[in-house]
Amino acid sequence: MLATARELFSNVARHAEASTCRVDLVRCNGWLSLEMADDGRGIDLEAPRSGLENARLRALLLGGSLTVARREPQGTVIIWRVPVGTAEGSAADAAAAAGAAADASA
């Protein structure tokens, strides 16, 4: 989760031209959700996104998902969601996902 949060913060700082960014971290019903929403120029959904692809891979390897969308009237919202408190959300799986994501970006 920390690597994903770092990537999302970095994207806002480098690309969004945002004046505000809201971050919500919620654990509910066996899921951990990290939501980041900014009021920047909005993401180009067709542009290559290697950092976000790594975040998506981390989520998928843990049994979760990554959602990226334009936010109206402007900006971007990203939701990274993974199961916690289950075999899919175990520390061993997290370590494996981190290693696989690092391998994928190399």
Protein backbone atom coordinates (compact mmCIF):
# COMPACT_ATOMS: atom_id res chain seq x y z
CA MET A 1 0.00 0.00 0.00
CA LEU A 2 2.84 2.36 0.81
CA ALA A 3 4.43 2.00 -2.64
CA THR A 4 1.06 2.66 -4.25
CA ALA A 5 0.42 5.76 -2.13
CA ARG A 6 3.90 7.05 -2.99
CA GLU A 7 3.25 6.56 -6.71
CA LEU A 8 -0.13 8.31 -6.55
CA PHE A 9 1.28 11.30 -4.62
CA SER A 10 4.14 11.52 -7.11
CA ASN A 11 1.72 11.55 -10.04
CA VAL A 12 -0.32 14.37 -8.52
CA ALA A 13 2.80 16.42 -7.82
CA ARG A 14 4.35 15.87 -11.29
CA HIS A 15 1.37 15.81 -13.63
CA ALA A 16 -1.92 17.01 -12.19
CA GLU A 17 -1.31 20.74 -11.75
CA ALA A 18 -3.73 20.40 -8.82
CA SER A 19 -4.33 22.86 -6.01
CA THR A 20 -5.83 20.22 -3.71
CA CYS A 21 -5.61 16.46 -3.28
CA ARG A 22 -7.81 14.40 -0.94
CA VAL A 23 -6.69 11.00 0.34
CA ASP A 24 -8.96 8.52 2.08
CA LEU A 25 -7.76 5.24 3.56
CA VAL A 26 -10.57 2.97 4.72
CA ARG A 27 -10.68 -0.58 6.06
CA CYS A 28 -14.18 -2.01 5.90
CA ASN A 29 -15.71 -5.48 5.43
CA GLY A 30 -12.38 -7.18 4.74
CA TRP A 31 -11.14 -4.57 2.24
CA LEU A 32 -8.54 -1.83 2.42
CA SER A 33 -9.28 1.05 0.05
CA LEU A 34 -6.95 3.91 -0.80
CA GLU A 35 -8.73 6.69 -2.69
CA MET A 36 -6.94 9.74 -4.01
CA ALA A 37 -8.83 12.57 -5.72
CA ASP A 38 -7.36 15.81 -7.05
CA ASP A 39 -8.70 18.94 -8.72
CA GLY A 40 -6.03 19.06 -11.40
CA ARG A 41 -6.20 18.95 -15.17
CA GLY A 42 -7.45 15.36 -15.28
CA ILE A 43 -5.72 12.23 -16.46
CA ASP A 44 -5.42 11.38 -20.12
CA LEU A 45 -6.94 7.90 -20.06
CA GLU A 46 -5.17 7.01 -23.35
CA ALA A 47 -1.63 7.98 -22.26
CA PRO A 48 0.86 5.31 -21.12
CA ARG A 49 0.96 4.98 -17.32
CA SER A 50 3.78 2.71 -16.17
CA GLY A 51 3.56 3.74 -12.50
CA LEU A 52 -0.18 3.20 -12.39
CA GLU A 53 0.27 -0.11 -14.19
CA ASN A 54 2.60 -1.21 -11.38
CA ALA A 55 -0.04 -0.18 -8.82
CA ARG A 56 -2.68 -2.14 -10.76
CA LEU A 57 -0.42 -5.19 -10.83
CA ARG A 58 0.17 -4.98 -7.06
CA ALA A 59 -3.59 -4.82 -6.47
CA LEU A 60 -4.34 -7.73 -8.84
CA LEU A 61 -1.68 -9.93 -7.27
CA LEU A 62 -3.34 -9.33 -3.90
CA GLY A 63 -6.83 -10.08 -5.23
CA GLY A 64 -7.82 -6.43 -5.57
CA SER A 65 -8.27 -3.74 -8.18
CA LEU A 66 -7.24 -0.29 -9.36
CA THR A 67 -9.78 2.13 -10.80
CA VAL A 68 -8.70 5.32 -12.59
CA ALA A 69 -11.25 7.90 -13.73
CA ARG A 70 -11.61 11.52 -14.65
CA ARG A 71 -13.34 13.54 -11.94
CA GLU A 72 -15.97 16.13 -12.80
CA PRO A 73 -15.78 19.05 -13.16
CA GLN A 74 -12.00 18.53 -13.24
CA GLY A 75 -9.31 16.28 -11.85
CA THR A 76 -8.71 12.58 -11.36
CA VAL A 77 -9.86 9.97 -8.87
CA ILE A 78 -7.96 6.73 -8.30
CA ILE A 79 -9.14 3.90 -6.06
CA TRP A 80 -6.74 1.09 -5.09
CA ARG A 81 -8.53 -1.73 -3.26
CA VAL A 82 -7.20 -4.99 -1.76
CA PRO A 83 -8.56 -7.64 0.60
CA VAL A 84 -7.18 -7.67 4.16
CA GLY A 85 -7.45 -10.24 6.91
CA THR A 86 -7.61 -13.10 4.39
CA ALA A 87 -5.11 -15.40 2.74
CA GLU A 88 -5.10 -13.03 -0.27
CA GLY A 89 -4.13 -10.14 1.95
CA SER A 90 -1.39 -11.91 3.89
CA ALA A 91 2.07 -10.49 4.46
CA ALA A 92 3.55 -13.23 2.27
CA ASP A 93 1.30 -12.23 -0.63
CA ALA A 94 2.18 -8.58 -0.11
CA ALA A 95 5.89 -9.39 -0.30
CA ALA A 96 5.37 -11.48 -3.43
CA ALA A 97 3.35 -8.71 -5.06
CA ALA A 98 5.98 -6.10 -4.28
CA GLY A 99 8.66 -8.30 -5.82
CA ALA A 100 6.58 -9.04 -8.90
CA ALA A 101 5.77 -5.35 -9.38
CA ALA A 102 9.46 -4.49 -9.09
CA ASP A 103 10.28 -7.18 -11.65
CA ALA A 104 7.59 -5.87 -14.01
CA SER A 105 8.99 -2.35 -13.90
CA ALA A 106 12.58 -3.48 -14.55
